[in-house]
PDB file of N, CA and C in Angstrom:
ATOM      1  N   UNK A   1     -43.554-136.637  13.371  1.00  0.00           N
ATOM      2  CA  UNK A   1     -42.786-138.036  13.466  1.00  0.00           C
ATOM      3  C   UNK A   1     -42.460-138.940  12.308  1.00  0.00           C
ATOM      4  N   UNK A   2     -43.657-138.280  11.410  1.00  0.00           N
ATOM      5  CA  UNK A   2     -43.259-138.739   9.685  1.00  0.00           C
ATOM      6  C   UNK A   2     -42.049-138.239   8.847  1.00  0.00           C
ATOM      7  N   UNK A   3     -41.857-137.238   9.350  1.00  0.00           N
ATOM      8  CA  UNK A   3     -40.735-136.646   8.718  1.00  0.00           C
ATOM      9  C   UNK A   3     -39.478-137.932   9.417  1.00  0.00           C
ATOM     10  N   UNK A   4     -39.492-138.163  10.459  1.00  0.00           N
ATOM     11  CA  UNK A   4     -38.115-138.659  11.108  1.00  0.00           C
ATOM     12  C   UNK A   4     -38.023-139.766  11.033  1.00  0.00           C
ATOM     13  N   UNK A   5     -39.606-140.627  10.410  1.00  0.00           N
ATOM     14  CA  UNK A   5     -39.344-141.751   9.839  1.00  0.00           C
ATOM     15  C   UNK A   5     -38.774-142.049   8.534  1.00  0.00           C
ATOM     16  N   UNK A   6     -39.021-140.884   8.092  1.00  0.00           N
ATOM     17  CA  UNK A   6     -38.554-140.761   6.386  1.00  0.00           C
ATOM     18  C   UNK A   6     -37.139-140.448   6.482  1.00  0.00           C
ATOM     19  N   UNK A   7     -36.895-140.045   7.551  1.00  0.00           N
ATOM     20  CA  UNK A   7     -35.352-139.578   7.245  1.00  0.00           C
ATOM     21  C   UNK A   7     -34.625-140.984   7.149  1.00  0.00           C
ATOM     22  N   UNK A   8     -34.747-141.708   8.596  1.00  0.00           N
ATOM     23  CA  UNK A   8     -34.488-142.514   9.009  1.00  0.00           C
ATOM     24  C   UNK A   8     -34.256-144.149   7.735  1.00  0.00           C
ATOM     25  N   UNK A   9     -35.919-143.898   6.945  1.00  0.00           N
ATOM     26  CA  UNK A   9     -35.441-145.121   6.536  1.00  0.00           C
ATOM     27  C   UNK A   9     -34.617-144.772   5.144  1.00  0.00           C
ATOM     28  N   UNK A  10     -34.732-143.200   4.880  1.00  0.00           N
ATOM     29  CA  UNK A  10     -33.528-143.354   3.660  1.00  0.00           C
ATOM     30  C   UNK A  10     -32.207-143.153   3.631  1.00  0.00           C
ATOM     31  N   UNK A  11     -31.834-142.741   5.361  1.00  0.00           N
ATOM     32  CA  UNK A  11     -30.349-142.901   6.096  1.00  0.00           C
ATOM     33  C   UNK A  11     -30.130-144.363   6.068  1.00  0.00           C
ATOM     34  N   UNK A  12     -30.595-145.701   6.044  1.00  0.00           N
ATOM     35  CA  UNK A  12     -30.715-146.923   6.114  1.00  0.00           C
ATOM     36  C   UNK A  12     -30.492-147.573   4.502  1.00  0.00           C
ATOM     37  N   UNK A  13     -31.124-147.107   3.909  1.00  0.00           N
ATOM     38  CA  UNK A  13     -30.934-147.365   2.508  1.00  0.00           C
ATOM     39  C   UNK A  13     -29.720-147.092   1.661  1.00  0.00           C
ATOM     40  N   UNK A  14     -29.172-144.986   2.192  1.00  0.00           N
ATOM     41  CA  UNK A  14     -28.160-145.206   1.471  1.00  0.00           C
ATOM     42  C   UNK A  14     -26.653-145.875   2.266  1.00  0.00           C
ATOM     43  N   UNK A  15     -26.785-146.200   3.955  1.00  0.00           N
ATOM     44  CA  UNK A  15     -25.865-146.856   4.445  1.00  0.00           C
ATOM     45  C   UNK A  15     -25.665-148.709   3.438  1.00  0.00           C
ATOM     46  N   UNK A  16     -26.755-149.405   2.820  1.00  0.00           N
ATOM     47  CA  UNK A  16     -26.999-150.754   2.479  1.00  0.00           C
ATOM     48  C   UNK A  16     -26.714-150.331   0.898  1.00  0.00           C
ATOM     49  N   UNK A  17     -26.378-149.552   0.678  1.00  0.00           N
ATOM     50  CA  UNK A  17     -26.132-149.124  -1.155  1.00  0.00           C
ATOM     51  C   UNK A  17     -24.072-149.318  -0.885  1.00  0.00           C
ATOM     52  N   UNK A  18     -23.514-148.933   0.470  1.00  0.00           N
ATOM     53  CA  UNK A  18     -21.897-148.697   0.194  1.00  0.00           C
ATOM     54  C   UNK A  18     -21.904-150.060   1.179  1.00  0.00           C
ATOM     55  N   UNK A  19     -22.658-151.679   0.932  1.00  0.00           N
ATOM     56  CA  UNK A  19     -21.899-152.403   2.243  1.00  0.00           C
ATOM     57  C   UNK A  19     -20.916-153.069   1.559  1.00  0.00           C
ATOM     58  N   UNK A  20     -19.710-153.350   2.618  1.00  0.00           N
ATOM     59  CA  UNK A  20     -18.835-153.942   2.406  1.00  0.00           C
ATOM     60  C   UNK A  20     -19.221-155.216   2.789  1.00  0.00           C
ATOM     61  N   UNK A  21     -18.136-156.264   2.723  1.00  0.00           N
ATOM     62  CA  UNK A  21     -18.800-158.149   2.926  1.00  0.00           C
ATOM     63  C   UNK A  21     -17.420-157.927   3.426  1.00  0.00           C
ATOM     64  N   UNK A  22     -16.396-157.559   2.975  1.00  0.00           N
ATOM     65  CA  UNK A  22     -15.038-158.181   2.573  1.00  0.00           C
ATOM     66  C   UNK A  22     -14.144-157.025   3.755  1.00  0.00           C
ATOM     67  N   UNK A  23     -13.916-158.052   4.575  1.00  0.00           N
ATOM     68  CA  UNK A  23     -12.902-157.094   5.742  1.00  0.00           C
ATOM     69  C   UNK A  23     -11.637-156.546   5.478  1.00  0.00           C
ATOM     70  N   UNK A  24     -10.746-155.553   6.312  1.00  0.00           N
ATOM     71  CA  UNK A  24      -9.633-155.298   5.647  1.00  0.00           C
ATOM     72  C   UNK A  24      -9.826-155.048   3.967  1.00  0.00           C
ATOM     73  N   UNK A  25     -10.664-155.330   3.297  1.00  0.00           N
ATOM     74  CA  UNK A  25      -9.953-154.259   2.379  1.00  0.00           C
ATOM     75  C   UNK A  25     -10.184-153.470   1.296  1.00  0.00           C
ATOM     76  N   UNK A  26      -9.710-153.460   0.696  1.00  0.00           N
ATOM     77  CA  UNK A  26      -9.511-151.562  -0.426  1.00  0.00           C
ATOM     78  C   UNK A  26     -10.280-152.192  -2.379  1.00  0.00           C
ATOM     79  N   UNK A  27     -10.556-150.703  -2.273  1.00  0.00           N
ATOM     80  CA  UNK A  27     -11.916-150.321  -3.529  1.00  0.00           C
ATOM     81  C   UNK A  27     -10.876-150.879  -4.330  1.00  0.00           C
ATOM     82  N   UNK A  28     -11.294-151.537  -5.772  1.00  0.00           N
ATOM     83  CA  UNK A  28     -10.213-152.113  -6.851  1.00  0.00           C
ATOM     84  C   UNK A  28     -11.762-152.142  -7.620  1.00  0.00           C
ATOM     85  N   UNK A  29     -10.889-152.523  -9.307  1.00  0.00           N
ATOM     86  CA  UNK A  29     -11.823-152.987 -10.394  1.00  0.00           C
ATOM     87  C   UNK A  29     -11.271-154.163 -10.659  1.00  0.00           C
ATOM     88  N   UNK A  30     -12.536-155.214 -11.325  1.00  0.00           N
ATOM     89  CA  UNK A  30     -11.401-155.982 -12.293  1.00  0.00           C
ATOM     90  C   UNK A  30     -10.690-155.258 -14.040  1.00  0.00           C
ATOM     91  N   UNK A  31     -10.072-156.297 -14.301  1.00  0.00           N
ATOM     92  CA  UNK A  31      -9.721-155.825 -15.709  1.00  0.00           C
ATOM     93  C   UNK A  31      -9.296-156.334 -16.598  1.00  0.00           C
ATOM     94  N   UNK A  32      -9.810-156.341 -17.450  1.00  0.00           N
ATOM     95  CA  UNK A  32     -10.192-158.179 -18.837  1.00  0.00           C
ATOM     96  C   UNK A  32      -8.405-157.320 -19.548  1.00  0.00           C
ATOM     97  N   UNK A  33      -7.654-158.404 -19.013  1.00  0.00           N
ATOM     98  CA  UNK A  33      -6.751-158.143 -19.516  1.00  0.00           C
ATOM     99  C   UNK A  33      -6.336-159.084 -20.579  1.00  0.00           C
ATOM    100  N   UNK A  34      -5.904-158.296 -21.936  1.00  0.00           N
ATOM    101  CA  UNK A  34      -6.577-158.010 -23.301  1.00  0.00           C
ATOM    102  C   UNK A  34      -4.544-159.224 -24.160  1.00  0.00           C
ATOM    103  N   UNK A  35      -3.747-158.920 -23.433  1.00  0.00           N
ATOM    104  CA  UNK A  35      -2.867-160.564 -23.835  1.00  0.00           C
ATOM    105  C   UNK A  35      -2.969-161.053 -23.236  1.00  0.00           C
ATOM    106  N   UNK A  36      -2.374-162.239 -24.372  1.00  0.00           N
ATOM    107  CA  UNK A  36      -3.147-163.417 -24.237  1.00  0.00           C
ATOM    108  C   UNK A  36      -2.456-164.306 -23.359  1.00  0.00           C
ATOM    109  N   UNK A  37      -3.657-164.877 -22.861  1.00  0.00           N
ATOM    110  CA  UNK A  37      -3.388-165.929 -21.718  1.00  0.00           C
ATOM    111  C   UNK A  37      -3.567-165.412 -20.252  1.00  0.00           C
ATOM    112  N   UNK A  38      -3.492-164.338 -20.622  1.00  0.00           N
ATOM    113  CA  UNK A  38      -3.714-163.792 -18.360  1.00  0.00           C
ATOM    114  C   UNK A  38      -5.239-163.751 -18.082  1.00  0.00           C
ATOM    115  N   UNK A  39      -6.660-163.784 -19.080  1.00  0.00           N
ATOM    116  CA  UNK A  39      -7.551-163.411 -18.499  1.00  0.00           C
ATOM    117  C   UNK A  39      -7.505-162.082 -17.477  1.00  0.00           C
ATOM    118  N   UNK A  40      -8.674-162.226 -16.491  1.00  0.00           N
ATOM    119  CA  UNK A  40      -8.703-161.530 -15.835  1.00  0.00           C
ATOM    120  C   UNK A  40      -7.780-160.710 -14.841  1.00  0.00           C
ATOM    121  N   UNK A  41      -7.077-159.862 -14.269  1.00  0.00           N
ATOM    122  CA  UNK A  41      -6.417-159.355 -13.539  1.00  0.00           C
ATOM    123  C   UNK A  41      -7.636-157.868 -12.036  1.00  0.00           C
ATOM    124  N   UNK A  42      -7.154-157.733 -11.663  1.00  0.00           N
ATOM    125  CA  UNK A  42      -7.476-156.789 -10.929  1.00  0.00           C
ATOM    126  C   UNK A  42      -6.512-155.834 -10.510  1.00  0.00           C
ATOM    127  N   UNK A  43      -7.207-154.404 -10.498  1.00  0.00           N
ATOM    128  CA  UNK A  43      -6.403-152.728 -10.354  1.00  0.00           C
ATOM    129  C   UNK A  43      -6.800-152.116  -9.304  1.00  0.00           C
ATOM    130  N   UNK A  44      -6.207-152.578  -8.360  1.00  0.00           N
ATOM    131  CA  UNK A  44      -6.430-151.647  -7.166  1.00  0.00           C
ATOM    132  C   UNK A  44      -6.202-150.112  -7.452  1.00  0.00           C
ATOM    133  N   UNK A  45      -6.837-149.575  -6.264  1.00  0.00           N
ATOM    134  CA  UNK A  45      -7.245-148.413  -6.046  1.00  0.00           C
ATOM    135  C   UNK A  45      -6.711-146.949  -6.523  1.00  0.00           C
ATOM    136  N   UNK A  46      -4.810-148.163  -6.086  1.00  0.00           N
ATOM    137  CA  UNK A  46      -4.173-146.789  -5.752  1.00  0.00           C
ATOM    138  C   UNK A  46      -3.137-147.204  -7.388  1.00  0.00           C
ATOM    139  N   UNK A  47      -3.530-147.814  -8.437  1.00  0.00           N
ATOM    140  CA  UNK A  47      -3.106-148.262  -9.537  1.00  0.00           C
ATOM    141  C   UNK A  47      -2.184-148.915  -9.619  1.00  0.00           C
ATOM    142  N   UNK A  48      -2.047-149.544  -8.911  1.00  0.00           N
ATOM    143  CA  UNK A  48      -1.857-151.260  -9.096  1.00  0.00           C
ATOM    144  C   UNK A  48      -2.152-151.900  -9.106  1.00  0.00           C
ATOM    145  N   UNK A  49      -1.473-153.250  -9.993  1.00  0.00           N
ATOM    146  CA  UNK A  49      -2.605-154.726 -10.590  1.00  0.00           C
ATOM    147  C   UNK A  49      -1.535-156.042  -9.735  1.00  0.00           C
ATOM    148  N   UNK A  50      -2.960-156.200  -9.499  1.00  0.00           N
ATOM    149  CA  UNK A  50      -2.057-157.733  -9.347  1.00  0.00           C
ATOM    150  C   UNK A  50      -2.899-158.705 -10.006  1.00  0.00           C
ATOM    151  N   UNK A  51      -2.549-160.773  -9.755  1.00  0.00           N
ATOM    152  CA  UNK A  51      -2.585-161.315 -10.775  1.00  0.00           C
ATOM    153  C   UNK A  51      -3.653-162.444  -9.673  1.00  0.00           C
ATOM    154  N   UNK A  52      -5.008-162.272  -9.508  1.00  0.00           N
ATOM    155  CA  UNK A  52      -5.766-163.136  -8.909  1.00  0.00           C
ATOM    156  C   UNK A  52      -5.794-164.744 -10.019  1.00  0.00           C
ATOM    157  N   UNK A  53      -5.057-166.052  -8.479  1.00  0.00           N
ATOM    158  CA  UNK A  53      -4.732-167.223  -9.125  1.00  0.00           C
ATOM    159  C   UNK A  53      -6.328-168.091  -8.168  1.00  0.00           C
ATOM    160  N   UNK A  54      -7.227-167.436  -8.210  1.00  0.00           N
ATOM    161  CA  UNK A  54      -8.616-167.933  -7.213  1.00  0.00           C
ATOM    162  C   UNK A  54      -9.796-167.286  -7.918  1.00  0.00           C
ATOM    163  N   UNK A  55      -9.748-165.980  -8.727  1.00  0.00           N
ATOM    164  CA  UNK A  55     -11.514-165.578  -8.912  1.00  0.00           C
ATOM    165  C   UNK A  55     -11.969-166.091  -9.023  1.00  0.00           C
ATOM    166  N   UNK A  56     -12.542-167.046  -9.854  1.00  0.00           N
ATOM    167  CA  UNK A  56     -12.984-168.737 -10.114  1.00  0.00           C
ATOM    168  C   UNK A  56     -13.649-169.354  -8.874  1.00  0.00           C
ATOM    169  N   UNK A  57     -13.203-168.876  -8.132  1.00  0.00           N
ATOM    170  CA  UNK A  57     -14.108-169.402  -6.947  1.00  0.00           C
ATOM    171  C   UNK A  57     -15.320-169.103  -6.232  1.00  0.00           C
ATOM    172  N   UNK A  58     -14.661-167.762  -5.953  1.00  0.00           N
ATOM    173  CA  UNK A  58     -15.800-166.847  -5.672  1.00  0.00           C
ATOM    174  C   UNK A  58     -17.473-166.316  -7.023  1.00  0.00           C
ATOM    175  N   UNK A  59     -18.623-166.798  -5.710  1.00  0.00           N
ATOM    176  CA  UNK A  59     -19.786-165.931  -6.842  1.00  0.00           C
ATOM    177  C   UNK A  59     -19.715-164.703  -6.983  1.00  0.00           C
ATOM    178  N   UNK A  60     -18.699-164.308  -8.104  1.00  0.00           N
ATOM    179  CA  UNK A  60     -18.960-162.591  -8.772  1.00  0.00           C
ATOM    180  C   UNK A  60     -18.399-163.245 -10.564  1.00  0.00           C
ATOM    181  N   UNK A  61     -19.856-162.293 -10.938  1.00  0.00           N
ATOM    182  CA  UNK A  61     -19.562-162.412 -12.624  1.00  0.00           C
ATOM    183  C   UNK A  61     -18.277-161.303 -13.243  1.00  0.00           C
ATOM    184  N   UNK A  62     -17.505-161.968 -13.432  1.00  0.00           N
ATOM    185  CA  UNK A  62     -15.863-161.045 -13.846  1.00  0.00           C
ATOM    186  C   UNK A  62     -16.719-160.276 -15.502  1.00  0.00           C
ATOM    187  N   UNK A  63     -16.156-159.087 -14.835  1.00  0.00           N
ATOM    188  CA  UNK A  63     -16.410-158.008 -16.104  1.00  0.00           C
ATOM    189  C   UNK A  63     -15.519-156.746 -15.610  1.00  0.00           C
ATOM    190  N   UNK A  64     -15.028-156.686 -17.016  1.00  0.00           N
ATOM    191  CA  UNK A  64     -14.123-155.411 -17.394  1.00  0.00           C
ATOM    192  C   UNK A  64     -14.710-154.191 -16.691  1.00  0.00           C
ATOM    193  N   UNK A  65     -13.610-153.367 -15.813  1.00  0.00           N
ATOM    194  CA  UNK A  65     -14.713-152.900 -15.300  1.00  0.00           C
ATOM    195  C   UNK A  65     -15.456-152.369 -13.943  1.00  0.00           C
ATOM    196  N   UNK A  66     -15.325-153.608 -13.237  1.00  0.00           N
ATOM    197  CA  UNK A  66     -16.549-154.217 -12.219  1.00  0.00           C
ATOM    198  C   UNK A  66     -15.472-153.405 -11.382  1.00  0.00           C
ATOM    199  N   UNK A  67     -16.214-152.425 -10.743  1.00  0.00           N
ATOM    200  CA  UNK A  67     -16.126-151.824  -9.448  1.00  0.00           C
ATOM    201  C   UNK A  67     -16.152-153.114  -8.155  1.00  0.00           C
ATOM    202  N   UNK A  68     -15.228-153.242  -6.824  1.00  0.00           N
ATOM    203  CA  UNK A  68     -15.055-154.684  -6.128  1.00  0.00           C
ATOM    204  C   UNK A  68     -14.544-153.733  -5.371  1.00  0.00           C
ATOM    205  N   UNK A  69     -14.890-154.592  -4.220  1.00  0.00           N
ATOM    206  CA  UNK A  69     -13.861-154.670  -2.217  1.00  0.00           C
ATOM    207  C   UNK A  69     -13.123-156.080  -2.472  1.00  0.00           C
ATOM    208  N   UNK A  70     -11.986-156.230  -2.229  1.00  0.00           N
ATOM    209  CA  UNK A  70     -11.134-157.118  -2.359  1.00  0.00           C
ATOM    210  C   UNK A  70     -10.153-156.883  -1.244  1.00  0.00           C
ATOM    211  N   UNK A  71     -10.112-158.427  -0.843  1.00  0.00           N
ATOM    212  CA  UNK A  71      -8.994-157.979   1.018  1.00  0.00           C
ATOM    213  C   UNK A  71      -8.594-159.324  -0.528  1.00  0.00           C
ATOM    214  N   UNK A  72      -6.964-159.557   0.034  1.00  0.00           N
ATOM    215  CA  UNK A  72      -5.981-161.312  -0.563  1.00  0.00           C
ATOM    216  C   UNK A  72      -4.233-160.473  -0.279  1.00  0.00           C
ATOM    217  N   UNK A  73      -3.843-161.562  -0.265  1.00  0.00           N
ATOM    218  CA  UNK A  73      -2.432-162.310   0.159  1.00  0.00           C
ATOM    219  C   UNK A  73      -1.600-162.514  -0.829  1.00  0.00           C
ATOM    220  N   UNK A  74      -0.123-161.979  -0.342  1.00  0.00           N
ATOM    221  CA  UNK A  74       0.150-162.852  -1.717  1.00  0.00           C
ATOM    222  C   UNK A  74       1.115-164.078  -1.914  1.00  0.00           C
ATOM    223  N   UNK A  75       0.982-165.264  -3.015  1.00  0.00           N
ATOM    224  CA  UNK A  75       0.628-166.182  -3.219  1.00  0.00           C
ATOM    225  C   UNK A  75       2.036-166.507  -3.247  1.00  0.00           C
ATOM    226  N   UNK A  76       2.602-167.344  -1.798  1.00  0.00           N
ATOM    227  CA  UNK A  76       4.284-167.419  -1.759  1.00  0.00           C
ATOM    228  C   UNK A  76       4.347-169.106  -2.653  1.00  0.00           C
ATOM    229  N   UNK A  77       3.610-169.202  -3.676  1.00  0.00           N
ATOM    230  CA  UNK A  77       4.515-170.740  -4.088  1.00  0.00           C
ATOM    231  C   UNK A  77       4.539-169.837  -5.661  1.00  0.00           C
ATOM    232  N   UNK A  78       4.522-169.555  -6.215  1.00  0.00           N
ATOM    233  CA  UNK A  78       4.247-168.982  -7.786  1.00  0.00           C
ATOM    234  C   UNK A  78       5.319-167.475  -7.157  1.00  0.00           C
ATOM    235  N   UNK A  79       5.698-167.105  -7.968  1.00  0.00           N
ATOM    236  CA  UNK A  79       6.838-165.977  -8.194  1.00  0.00           C
ATOM    237  C   UNK A  79       6.837-164.788  -9.502  1.00  0.00           C
ATOM    238  N   UNK A  80       6.233-166.057 -10.884  1.00  0.00           N
ATOM    239  CA  UNK A  80       6.434-165.361 -11.984  1.00  0.00           C
ATOM    240  C   UNK A  80       5.313-166.002 -13.247  1.00  0.00           C
ATOM    241  N   UNK A  81       4.645-165.049 -13.502  1.00  0.00           N
ATOM    242  CA  UNK A  81       3.162-164.863 -14.277  1.00  0.00           C
ATOM    243  C   UNK A  81       3.584-165.431 -15.675  1.00  0.00           C
ATOM    244  N   UNK A  82       2.423-165.667 -16.625  1.00  0.00           N
ATOM    245  CA  UNK A  82       2.272-165.456 -17.811  1.00  0.00           C
ATOM    246  C   UNK A  82       2.141-163.546 -18.133  1.00  0.00           C
ATOM    247  N   UNK A  83       1.116-163.146 -17.530  1.00  0.00           N
ATOM    248  CA  UNK A  83       1.287-162.031 -17.396  1.00  0.00           C
ATOM    249  C   UNK A  83       2.491-160.726 -17.249  1.00  0.00           C
ATOM    250  N   UNK A  84       2.432-161.080 -16.192  1.00  0.00           N
ATOM    251  CA  UNK A  84       3.745-160.468 -15.399  1.00  0.00           C
ATOM    252  C   UNK A  84       3.802-158.693 -16.038  1.00  0.00           C
ATOM    253  N   UNK A  85       2.146-158.607 -14.589  1.00  0.00           N
ATOM    254  CA  UNK A  85       1.873-156.872 -14.746  1.00  0.00           C
ATOM    255  C   UNK A  85       1.542-156.830 -13.232  1.00  0.00           C
ATOM    256  N   UNK A  86       2.090-157.969 -12.107  1.00  0.00           N
ATOM    257  CA  UNK A  86       1.496-157.406 -11.061  1.00  0.00           C
ATOM    258  C   UNK A  86       1.509-158.579 -10.004  1.00  0.00           C
ATOM    259  N   UNK A  87       1.749-158.363  -9.180  1.00  0.00           N
ATOM    260  CA  UNK A  87       1.763-159.239  -8.135  1.00  0.00           C
ATOM    261  C   UNK A  87       0.966-160.565  -7.928  1.00  0.00           C
ATOM    262  N   UNK A  88       1.012-161.523  -8.022  1.00  0.00           N
ATOM    263  CA  UNK A  88      -0.008-163.122  -8.344  1.00  0.00           C
ATOM    264  C   UNK A  88       0.395-163.161  -6.722  1.00  0.00           C
ATOM    265  N   UNK A  89      -1.741-162.980  -6.704  1.00  0.00           N
ATOM    266  CA  UNK A  89      -2.215-163.237  -5.858  1.00  0.00           C
ATOM    267  C   UNK A  89      -3.679-164.242  -5.094  1.00  0.00           C
ATOM    268  N   UNK A  90      -3.750-164.808  -4.085  1.00  0.00           N
ATOM    269  CA  UNK A  90      -5.000-165.213  -3.670  1.00  0.00           C
ATOM    270  C   UNK A  90      -5.743-164.487  -2.499  1.00  0.00           C
ATOM    271  N   UNK A  91      -7.171-164.272  -3.090  1.00  0.00           N
ATOM    272  CA  UNK A  91      -8.123-163.672  -2.813  1.00  0.00           C
ATOM    273  C   UNK A  91      -8.754-164.356  -1.951  1.00  0.00           C
ATOM    274  N   UNK A  92      -8.596-163.296  -1.022  1.00  0.00           N
ATOM    275  CA  UNK A  92      -9.465-164.054   0.599  1.00  0.00           C
ATOM    276  C   UNK A  92     -10.536-163.433   0.460  1.00  0.00           C
ATOM    277  N   UNK A  93     -10.960-162.880   0.188  1.00  0.00           N
ATOM    278  CA  UNK A  93     -12.456-162.317   0.058  1.00  0.00           C
ATOM    279  C   UNK A  93     -12.382-161.009  -1.263  1.00  0.00           C
ATOM    280  N   UNK A  94     -13.698-160.822  -2.243  1.00  0.00           N
ATOM    281  CA  UNK A  94     -14.257-159.598  -3.332  1.00  0.00           C
ATOM    282  C   UNK A  94     -16.175-159.945  -3.281  1.00  0.00           C
ATOM    283  N   UNK A  95     -15.948-159.214  -3.277  1.00  0.00           N
ATOM    284  CA  UNK A  95     -17.532-158.596  -3.881  1.00  0.00           C
ATOM    285  C   UNK A  95     -18.214-156.501  -4.229  1.00  0.00           C
ATOM    286  N   UNK A  96     -18.658-157.141  -4.705  1.00  0.00           N
ATOM    287  CA  UNK A  96     -18.865-156.136  -5.049  1.00  0.00           C
ATOM    288  C   UNK A  96     -19.157-154.196  -4.045  1.00  0.00           C
ATOM    289  N   UNK A  97     -19.170-153.492  -4.912  1.00  0.00           N
ATOM    290  CA  UNK A  97     -19.306-152.808  -4.984  1.00  0.00           C
ATOM    291  C   UNK A  97     -19.905-151.689  -5.493  1.00  0.00           C
TER     292      UNK A  97
END
């Protein structure tokens, strides 16, 4: 019985460590783009880069190479930016991973 309880506690702890709060999100990391005027961009796990317009709206401390979960949609109002490194997006949800 004691072994079962210990195993259950370990299993639940491991599940909690990889908790993803964002629905339909993908793995990514925040990058501090050194080009003047760009600030932070997000590199998706597939290698694509996106430019968020609302990263400051979320309770997350941007840091270079911080691993995150992110869900987003393309911003239909903006088609070009100073950075020009990827799609301009509106973040729907972002959380640390």
